[in-house]
């Protein structure tokens, strides 16, 4: 455990950030799985309607360095390709 005051604060901050990061990653995975299930069920209109939300979450995750830049781009590309293929 930290002894110095600034180290204690840093620990508190990192705990909060860790919780936020876990929540954001979970939300991102949920939305991606949802769009994949919609594609599997041949519901292309709903999947297309969900695309902007997926883009937004991926862009924010990339911006805050939750995921790497190329990972975000790759996921966007693959999801878009899946939706277009199903249409």
PDB file of N, CA and C in Angstrom:
ATOM      1  N   UNK A   1       0.834  -1.191   0.000  1.00  0.00           N
ATOM      2  CA  UNK A   1       0.000   0.000   0.000  1.00  0.00           C
ATOM      3  C   UNK A   1       0.874   1.248   0.000  1.00  0.00           C
ATOM      4  N   UNK A   2       0.424   2.258  -0.715  1.00  0.00           N
ATOM      5  CA  UNK A   2       1.207   3.497  -0.767  1.00  0.00           C
ATOM      6  C   UNK A   2       1.203   4.228   0.576  1.00  0.00           C
ATOM      7  N   UNK A   3       2.299   4.919   0.828  1.00  0.00           N
ATOM      8  CA  UNK A   3       2.445   5.682   2.070  1.00  0.00           C
ATOM      9  C   UNK A   3       2.320   7.170   1.789  1.00  0.00           C
ATOM     10  N   UNK A   4       2.932   7.599   0.711  1.00  0.00           N
ATOM     11  CA  UNK A   4       2.933   9.009   0.344  1.00  0.00           C
ATOM     12  C   UNK A   4       1.549   9.423  -0.165  1.00  0.00           C
ATOM     13  N   UNK A   5       1.183  10.655   0.171  1.00  0.00           N
ATOM     14  CA  UNK A   5      -0.148  11.183  -0.159  1.00  0.00           C
ATOM     15  C   UNK A   5      -0.439  11.137  -1.659  1.00  0.00           C
ATOM     16  N   UNK A   6       0.517  11.548  -2.471  1.00  0.00           N
ATOM     17  CA  UNK A   6       0.306  11.568  -3.922  1.00  0.00           C
ATOM     18  C   UNK A   6       0.166  10.149  -4.488  1.00  0.00           C
ATOM     19  N   UNK A   7       0.870   9.200  -3.882  1.00  0.00           N
ATOM     20  CA  UNK A   7       0.756   7.808  -4.327  1.00  0.00           C
ATOM     21  C   UNK A   7      -0.618   7.239  -3.972  1.00  0.00           C
ATOM     22  N   UNK A   8      -1.158   7.655  -2.827  1.00  0.00           N
ATOM     23  CA  UNK A   8      -2.501   7.225  -2.441  1.00  0.00           C
ATOM     24  C   UNK A   8      -3.535   7.736  -3.433  1.00  0.00           C
ATOM     25  N   UNK A   9      -3.380   9.003  -3.813  1.00  0.00           N
ATOM     26  CA  UNK A   9      -4.296   9.606  -4.780  1.00  0.00           C
ATOM     27  C   UNK A   9      -4.179   8.902  -6.136  1.00  0.00           C
ATOM     28  N   UNK A  10      -2.955   8.618  -6.538  1.00  0.00           N
ATOM     29  CA  UNK A  10      -2.736   7.927  -7.809  1.00  0.00           C
ATOM     30  C   UNK A  10      -3.407   6.557  -7.808  1.00  0.00           C
ATOM     31  N   UNK A  11      -3.357   5.880  -6.681  1.00  0.00           N
ATOM     32  CA  UNK A  11      -4.000   4.576  -6.557  1.00  0.00           C
ATOM     33  C   UNK A  11      -5.518   4.701  -6.690  1.00  0.00           C
ATOM     34  N   UNK A  12      -6.094   5.717  -6.020  1.00  0.00           N
ATOM     35  CA  UNK A  12      -7.541   5.949  -6.125  1.00  0.00           C
ATOM     36  C   UNK A  12      -7.932   6.224  -7.573  1.00  0.00           C
ATOM     37  N   UNK A  13      -7.139   7.060  -8.244  1.00  0.00           N
ATOM     38  CA  UNK A  13      -7.434   7.409  -9.637  1.00  0.00           C
ATOM     39  C   UNK A  13      -7.353   6.183 -10.535  1.00  0.00           C
ATOM     40  N   UNK A  14      -6.332   5.376 -10.340  1.00  0.00           N
ATOM     41  CA  UNK A  14      -6.158   4.211 -11.211  1.00  0.00           C
ATOM     42  C   UNK A  14      -7.280   3.192 -11.000  1.00  0.00           C
ATOM     43  N   UNK A  15      -7.776   3.082  -9.764  1.00  0.00           N
ATOM     44  CA  UNK A  15      -8.905   2.175  -9.507  1.00  0.00           C
ATOM     45  C   UNK A  15     -10.151   2.633 -10.260  1.00  0.00           C
ATOM     46  N   UNK A  16     -10.425   3.958 -10.199  1.00  0.00           N
ATOM     47  CA  UNK A  16     -11.584   4.509 -10.911  1.00  0.00           C
ATOM     48  C   UNK A  16     -11.438   4.308 -12.414  1.00  0.00           C
ATOM     49  N   UNK A  17     -10.250   4.588 -12.928  1.00  0.00           N
ATOM     50  CA  UNK A  17     -10.016   4.450 -14.372  1.00  0.00           C
ATOM     51  C   UNK A  17     -10.165   3.005 -14.818  1.00  0.00           C
ATOM     52  N   UNK A  18      -9.683   2.084 -13.983  1.00  0.00           N
ATOM     53  CA  UNK A  18      -9.776   0.659 -14.304  1.00  0.00           C
ATOM     54  C   UNK A  18     -11.240   0.246 -14.420  1.00  0.00           C
ATOM     55  N   UNK A  19     -12.065   0.685 -13.467  1.00  0.00           N
ATOM     56  CA  UNK A  19     -13.494   0.359 -13.496  1.00  0.00           C
ATOM     57  C   UNK A  19     -14.142   0.930 -14.757  1.00  0.00           C
ATOM     58  N   UNK A  20     -13.826   2.195 -15.074  1.00  0.00           N
ATOM     59  CA  UNK A  20     -14.390   2.831 -16.272  1.00  0.00           C
ATOM     60  C   UNK A  20     -13.969   2.092 -17.533  1.00  0.00           C
ATOM     61  N   UNK A  21     -12.700   1.711 -17.613  1.00  0.00           N
ATOM     62  CA  UNK A  21     -12.202   1.004 -18.790  1.00  0.00           C
ATOM     63  C   UNK A  21     -12.876  -0.349 -18.959  1.00  0.00           C
ATOM     64  N   UNK A  22     -13.072  -1.056 -17.859  1.00  0.00           N
ATOM     65  CA  UNK A  22     -13.735  -2.359 -17.920  1.00  0.00           C
ATOM     66  C   UNK A  22     -15.173  -2.194 -18.415  1.00  0.00           C
ATOM     67  N   UNK A  23     -15.877  -1.165 -17.903  1.00  0.00           N
ATOM     68  CA  UNK A  23     -17.258  -0.922 -18.331  1.00  0.00           C
ATOM     69  C   UNK A  23     -17.323  -0.581 -19.816  1.00  0.00           C
ATOM     70  N   UNK A  24     -16.399   0.266 -20.278  1.00  0.00           N
ATOM     71  CA  UNK A  24     -16.400   0.664 -21.687  1.00  0.00           C
ATOM     72  C   UNK A  24     -16.099  -0.521 -22.596  1.00  0.00           C
ATOM     73  N   UNK A  25     -15.149  -1.365 -22.203  1.00  0.00           N
ATOM     74  CA  UNK A  25     -14.826  -2.543 -23.011  1.00  0.00           C
ATOM     75  C   UNK A  25     -16.005  -3.503 -23.060  1.00  0.00           C
ATOM     76  N   UNK A  26     -16.689  -3.673 -21.930  1.00  0.00           N
ATOM     77  CA  UNK A  26     -17.839  -4.564 -21.870  1.00  0.00           C
ATOM     78  C   UNK A  26     -18.951  -4.063 -22.793  1.00  0.00           C
ATOM     79  N   UNK A  27     -19.212  -2.755 -22.754  1.00  0.00           N
ATOM     80  CA  UNK A  27     -20.241  -2.148 -23.608  1.00  0.00           C
ATOM     81  C   UNK A  27     -19.898  -2.349 -25.086  1.00  0.00           C
ATOM     82  N   UNK A  28     -18.627  -2.147 -25.418  1.00  0.00           N
ATOM     83  CA  UNK A  28     -18.162  -2.313 -26.788  1.00  0.00           C
ATOM     84  C   UNK A  28     -18.364  -3.750 -27.265  1.00  0.00           C
ATOM     85  N   UNK A  29     -18.001  -4.711 -26.433  1.00  0.00           N
ATOM     86  CA  UNK A  29     -18.162  -6.117 -26.793  1.00  0.00           C
ATOM     87  C   UNK A  29     -19.634  -6.487 -26.952  1.00  0.00           C
ATOM     88  N   UNK A  30     -20.485  -5.940 -26.064  1.00  0.00           N
ATOM     89  CA  UNK A  30     -21.923  -6.227 -26.136  1.00  0.00           C
ATOM     90  C   UNK A  30     -22.512  -5.748 -27.460  1.00  0.00           C
ATOM     91  N   UNK A  31     -22.151  -4.528 -27.854  1.00  0.00           N
ATOM     92  CA  UNK A  31     -22.709  -3.953 -29.077  1.00  0.00           C
ATOM     93  C   UNK A  31     -22.210  -4.726 -30.303  1.00  0.00           C
ATOM     94  N   UNK A  32     -20.943  -5.111 -30.291  1.00  0.00           N
ATOM     95  CA  UNK A  32     -20.392  -5.876 -31.415  1.00  0.00           C
ATOM     96  C   UNK A  32     -21.078  -7.234 -31.517  1.00  0.00           C
ATOM     97  N   UNK A  33     -21.278  -7.891 -30.379  1.00  0.00           N
ATOM     98  CA  UNK A  33     -21.973  -9.184 -30.390  1.00  0.00           C
ATOM     99  C   UNK A  33     -23.414  -9.028 -30.851  1.00  0.00           C
ATOM    100  N   UNK A  34     -24.046  -7.922 -30.452  1.00  0.00           N
ATOM    101  CA  UNK A  34     -25.430  -7.675 -30.846  1.00  0.00           C
ATOM    102  C   UNK A  34     -25.545  -7.522 -32.354  1.00  0.00           C
ATOM    103  N   UNK A  35     -24.626  -6.753 -32.936  1.00  0.00           N
ATOM    104  CA  UNK A  35     -24.672  -6.545 -34.390  1.00  0.00           C
ATOM    105  C   UNK A  35     -24.367  -7.850 -35.127  1.00  0.00           C
ATOM    106  N   UNK A  36     -23.487  -8.677 -34.576  1.00  0.00           N
ATOM    107  CA  UNK A  36     -23.190  -9.967 -35.201  1.00  0.00           C
ATOM    108  C   UNK A  36     -24.385 -10.898 -35.129  1.00  0.00           C
ATOM    109  N   UNK A  37     -25.112 -10.867 -34.017  1.00  0.00           N
ATOM    110  CA  UNK A  37     -26.302 -11.713 -33.907  1.00  0.00           C
ATOM    111  C   UNK A  37     -27.406 -11.241 -34.849  1.00  0.00           C
ATOM    112  N   UNK A  38     -27.525  -9.934 -35.024  1.00  0.00           N
ATOM    113  CA  UNK A  38     -28.514  -9.406 -35.975  1.00  0.00           C
ATOM    114  C   UNK A  38     -28.190  -9.851 -37.396  1.00  0.00           C
ATOM    115  N   UNK A  39     -26.910  -9.847 -37.731  1.00  0.00           N
ATOM    116  CA  UNK A  39     -26.501 -10.293 -39.062  1.00  0.00           C
ATOM    117  C   UNK A  39     -26.797 -11.782 -39.230  1.00  0.00           C
ATOM    118  N   UNK A  40     -26.552 -12.560 -38.186  1.00  0.00           N
ATOM    119  CA  UNK A  40     -26.821 -13.992 -38.235  1.00  0.00           C
ATOM    120  C   UNK A  40     -28.317 -14.267 -38.404  1.00  0.00           C
ATOM    121  N   UNK A  41     -29.162 -13.400 -37.841  1.00  0.00           N
ATOM    122  CA  UNK A  41     -30.613 -13.551 -37.948  1.00  0.00           C
ATOM    123  C   UNK A  41     -31.171 -12.903 -39.221  1.00  0.00           C
ATOM    124  N   UNK A  42     -30.286 -12.392 -40.066  1.00  0.00           N
ATOM    125  CA  UNK A  42     -30.672 -11.750 -41.345  1.00  0.00           C
ATOM    126  C   UNK A  42     -31.491 -10.481 -41.140  1.00  0.00           C
ATOM    127  N   UNK A  43     -31.258  -9.782 -40.030  1.00  0.00           N
ATOM    128  CA  UNK A  43     -31.937  -8.507 -39.771  1.00  0.00           C
ATOM    129  C   UNK A  43     -30.986  -7.374 -40.151  1.00  0.00           C
ATOM    130  N   UNK A  44     -30.882  -7.127 -41.456  1.00  0.00           N
ATOM    131  CA  UNK A  44     -29.887  -6.167 -41.939  1.00  0.00           C
ATOM    132  C   UNK A  44     -30.252  -4.720 -41.618  1.00  0.00           C
ATOM    133  N   UNK A  45     -31.555  -4.404 -41.615  1.00  0.00           N
ATOM    134  CA  UNK A  45     -31.949  -3.023 -41.315  1.00  0.00           C
ATOM    135  C   UNK A  45     -31.556  -2.622 -39.903  1.00  0.00           C
ATOM    136  N   UNK A  46     -31.820  -3.527 -38.952  1.00  0.00           N
ATOM    137  CA  UNK A  46     -31.450  -3.252 -37.563  1.00  0.00           C
ATOM    138  C   UNK A  46     -29.936  -3.154 -37.403  1.00  0.00           C
ATOM    139  N   UNK A  47     -29.218  -4.015 -38.121  1.00  0.00           N
ATOM    140  CA  UNK A  47     -27.753  -4.010 -38.062  1.00  0.00           C
ATOM    141  C   UNK A  47     -27.200  -2.702 -38.619  1.00  0.00           C
ATOM    142  N   UNK A  48     -27.782  -2.235 -39.725  1.00  0.00           N
ATOM    143  CA  UNK A  48     -27.339  -0.964 -40.308  1.00  0.00           C
ATOM    144  C   UNK A  48     -27.643   0.205 -39.382  1.00  0.00           C
ATOM    145  N   UNK A  49     -28.769   0.126 -38.676  1.00  0.00           N
ATOM    146  CA  UNK A  49     -29.130   1.183 -37.733  1.00  0.00           C
ATOM    147  C   UNK A  49     -28.183   1.215 -36.541  1.00  0.00           C
ATOM    148  N   UNK A  50     -27.595   0.084 -36.208  1.00  0.00           N
ATOM    149  CA  UNK A  50     -26.687  -0.023 -35.064  1.00  0.00           C
ATOM    150  C   UNK A  50     -25.250   0.360 -35.421  1.00  0.00           C
ATOM    151  N   UNK A  51     -24.940   0.413 -36.714  1.00  0.00           N
ATOM    152  CA  UNK A  51     -23.571   0.728 -37.158  1.00  0.00           C
ATOM    153  C   UNK A  51     -23.015   2.042 -36.613  1.00  0.00           C
ATOM    154  N   UNK A  52     -23.763   3.153 -36.674  1.00  0.00           N
ATOM    155  CA  UNK A  52     -23.207   4.409 -36.130  1.00  0.00           C
ATOM    156  C   UNK A  52     -22.834   4.321 -34.656  1.00  0.00           C
ATOM    157  N   UNK A  53     -23.622   3.575 -33.890  1.00  0.00           N
ATOM    158  CA  UNK A  53     -23.323   3.408 -32.467  1.00  0.00           C
ATOM    159  C   UNK A  53     -22.016   2.633 -32.284  1.00  0.00           C
ATOM    160  N   UNK A  54     -21.816   1.607 -33.105  1.00  0.00           N
ATOM    161  CA  UNK A  54     -20.578   0.822 -33.039  1.00  0.00           C
ATOM    162  C   UNK A  54     -19.387   1.696 -33.406  1.00  0.00           C
ATOM    163  N   UNK A  55     -19.544   2.492 -34.474  1.00  0.00           N
ATOM    164  CA  UNK A  55     -18.471   3.399 -34.891  1.00  0.00           C
ATOM    165  C   UNK A  55     -18.112   4.372 -33.770  1.00  0.00           C
ATOM    166  N   UNK A  56     -19.140   4.923 -33.145  1.00  0.00           N
ATOM    167  CA  UNK A  56     -18.920   5.903 -32.080  1.00  0.00           C
ATOM    168  C   UNK A  56     -18.143   5.281 -30.923  1.00  0.00           C
ATOM    169  N   UNK A  57     -18.571   4.095 -30.491  1.00  0.00           N
ATOM    170  CA  UNK A  57     -17.887   3.431 -29.380  1.00  0.00           C
ATOM    171  C   UNK A  57     -16.448   3.072 -29.738  1.00  0.00           C
ATOM    172  N   UNK A  58     -16.246   2.579 -30.960  1.00  0.00           N
ATOM    173  CA  UNK A  58     -14.889   2.222 -31.381  1.00  0.00           C
ATOM    174  C   UNK A  58     -13.994   3.451 -31.476  1.00  0.00           C
ATOM    175  N   UNK A  59     -14.534   4.542 -32.009  1.00  0.00           N
ATOM    176  CA  UNK A  59     -13.748   5.772 -32.129  1.00  0.00           C
ATOM    177  C   UNK A  59     -13.371   6.326 -30.756  1.00  0.00           C
ATOM    178  N   UNK A  60     -14.323   6.298 -29.828  1.00  0.00           N
ATOM    179  CA  UNK A  60     -14.027   6.794 -28.483  1.00  0.00           C
ATOM    180  C   UNK A  60     -13.005   5.915 -27.783  1.00  0.00           C
ATOM    181  N   UNK A  61     -13.130   4.601 -27.963  1.00  0.00           N
ATOM    182  CA  UNK A  61     -12.177   3.677 -27.343  1.00  0.00           C
ATOM    183  C   UNK A  61     -10.780   3.882 -27.916  1.00  0.00           C
ATOM    184  N   UNK A  62     -10.703   4.175 -29.201  1.00  0.00           N
ATOM    185  CA  UNK A  62      -9.419   4.442 -29.842  1.00  0.00           C
ATOM    186  C   UNK A  62      -8.845   5.775 -29.367  1.00  0.00           C
ATOM    187  N   UNK A  63      -9.703   6.768 -29.264  1.00  0.00           N
ATOM    188  CA  UNK A  63      -9.266   8.102 -28.850  1.00  0.00           C
ATOM    189  C   UNK A  63      -8.689   8.095 -27.437  1.00  0.00           C
ATOM    190  N   UNK A  64      -9.332   7.340 -26.544  1.00  0.00           N
ATOM    191  CA  UNK A  64      -8.876   7.283 -25.159  1.00  0.00           C
ATOM    192  C   UNK A  64      -7.830   6.191 -24.945  1.00  0.00           C
ATOM    193  N   UNK A  65      -7.348   5.597 -26.026  1.00  0.00           N
ATOM    194  CA  UNK A  65      -6.315   4.552 -26.006  1.00  0.00           C
ATOM    195  C   UNK A  65      -6.748   3.310 -25.230  1.00  0.00           C
ATOM    196  N   UNK A  66      -8.052   3.046 -25.230  1.00  0.00           N
ATOM    197  CA  UNK A  66      -8.571   1.822 -24.638  1.00  0.00           C
ATOM    198  C   UNK A  66      -8.212   0.644 -25.545  1.00  0.00           C
ATOM    199  N   UNK A  67      -8.310   0.887 -26.857  1.00  0.00           N
ATOM    200  CA  UNK A  67      -7.824  -0.074 -27.849  1.00  0.00           C
ATOM    201  C   UNK A  67      -6.890   0.672 -28.788  1.00  0.00           C
ATOM    202  N   UNK A  68      -6.048  -0.065 -29.478  1.00  0.00           N
ATOM    203  CA  UNK A  68      -5.092   0.577 -30.377  1.00  0.00           C
ATOM    204  C   UNK A  68      -5.794   1.080 -31.634  1.00  0.00           C
ATOM    205  N   UNK A  69      -5.157   2.032 -32.288  1.00  0.00           N
ATOM    206  CA  UNK A  69      -5.723   2.698 -33.465  1.00  0.00           C
ATOM    207  C   UNK A  69      -6.068   1.695 -34.569  1.00  0.00           C
ATOM    208  N   UNK A  70      -5.119   0.830 -34.897  1.00  0.00           N
ATOM    209  CA  UNK A  70      -5.345  -0.136 -35.975  1.00  0.00           C
ATOM    210  C   UNK A  70      -6.400  -1.175 -35.597  1.00  0.00           C
ATOM    211  N   UNK A  71      -6.486  -1.508 -34.334  1.00  0.00           N
ATOM    212  CA  UNK A  71      -7.504  -2.451 -33.870  1.00  0.00           C
ATOM    213  C   UNK A  71      -8.893  -1.860 -34.086  1.00  0.00           C
ATOM    214  N   UNK A  72      -9.053  -0.598 -33.736  1.00  0.00           N
ATOM    215  CA  UNK A  72     -10.336   0.072 -33.940  1.00  0.00           C
ATOM    216  C   UNK A  72     -10.719   0.124 -35.408  1.00  0.00           C
ATOM    217  N   UNK A  73      -9.768   0.486 -36.249  1.00  0.00           N
ATOM    218  CA  UNK A  73     -10.019   0.547 -37.684  1.00  0.00           C
ATOM    219  C   UNK A  73     -10.349  -0.815 -38.262  1.00  0.00           C
ATOM    220  N   UNK A  74      -9.630  -1.827 -37.807  1.00  0.00           N
ATOM    221  CA  UNK A  74      -9.858  -3.188 -38.301  1.00  0.00           C
ATOM    222  C   UNK A  74     -11.243  -3.679 -37.915  1.00  0.00           C
ATOM    223  N   UNK A  75     -11.652  -3.429 -36.678  1.00  0.00           N
ATOM    224  CA  UNK A  75     -12.966  -3.871 -36.222  1.00  0.00           C
ATOM    225  C   UNK A  75     -14.075  -3.164 -37.005  1.00  0.00           C
ATOM    226  N   UNK A  76     -13.912  -1.841 -37.217  1.00  0.00           N
ATOM    227  CA  UNK A  76     -14.901  -1.089 -37.993  1.00  0.00           C
ATOM    228  C   UNK A  76     -15.014  -1.653 -39.403  1.00  0.00           C
ATOM    229  N   UNK A  77     -13.879  -1.924 -39.998  1.00  0.00           N
ATOM    230  CA  UNK A  77     -13.842  -2.440 -41.360  1.00  0.00           C
ATOM    231  C   UNK A  77     -14.536  -3.794 -41.468  1.00  0.00           C
ATOM    232  N   UNK A  78     -14.223  -4.674 -40.556  1.00  0.00           N
ATOM    233  CA  UNK A  78     -14.790  -6.026 -40.607  1.00  0.00           C
ATOM    234  C   UNK A  78     -16.285  -6.022 -40.341  1.00  0.00           C
ATOM    235  N   UNK A  79     -16.740  -5.192 -39.405  1.00  0.00           N
ATOM    236  CA  UNK A  79     -18.172  -5.118 -39.113  1.00  0.00           C
ATOM    237  C   UNK A  79     -18.925  -4.553 -40.313  1.00  0.00           C
ATOM    238  N   UNK A  80     -18.371  -3.505 -40.917  1.00  0.00           N
ATOM    239  CA  UNK A  80     -18.997  -2.907 -42.101  1.00  0.00           C
ATOM    240  C   UNK A  80     -19.088  -3.921 -43.232  1.00  0.00           C
ATOM    241  N   UNK A  81     -18.017  -4.677 -43.430  1.00  0.00           N
ATOM    242  CA  UNK A  81     -17.984  -5.681 -44.487  1.00  0.00           C
ATOM    243  C   UNK A  81     -19.040  -6.752 -44.233  1.00  0.00           C
ATOM    244  N   UNK A  82     -19.206  -7.161 -42.968  1.00  0.00           N
ATOM    245  CA  UNK A  82     -20.208  -8.169 -42.627  1.00  0.00           C
ATOM    246  C   UNK A  82     -21.616  -7.668 -42.915  1.00  0.00           C
ATOM    247  N   UNK A  83     -21.881  -6.401 -42.553  1.00  0.00           N
ATOM    248  CA  UNK A  83     -23.218  -5.836 -42.769  1.00  0.00           C
ATOM    249  C   UNK A  83     -23.507  -5.720 -44.259  1.00  0.00           C
ATOM    250  N   UNK A  84     -22.538  -5.262 -45.031  1.00  0.00           N
ATOM    251  CA  UNK A  84     -22.751  -5.122 -46.477  1.00  0.00           C
ATOM    252  C   UNK A  84     -22.919  -6.467 -47.159  1.00  0.00           C
ATOM    253  N   UNK A  85     -22.184  -7.458 -46.685  1.00  0.00           N
ATOM    254  CA  UNK A  85     -22.280  -8.792 -47.254  1.00  0.00           C
ATOM    255  C   UNK A  85     -23.665  -9.398 -47.013  1.00  0.00           C
ATOM    256  N   UNK A  86     -24.227  -9.122 -45.829  1.00  0.00           N
ATOM    257  CA  UNK A  86     -25.539  -9.687 -45.493  1.00  0.00           C
ATOM    258  C   UNK A  86     -26.668  -8.992 -46.238  1.00  0.00           C
ATOM    259  N   UNK A  87     -26.438  -7.773 -46.682  1.00  0.00           N
ATOM    260  CA  UNK A  87     -27.496  -7.003 -47.361  1.00  0.00           C
ATOM    261  C   UNK A  87     -27.754  -7.490 -48.773  1.00  0.00           C
TER     262      UNK A  87
END
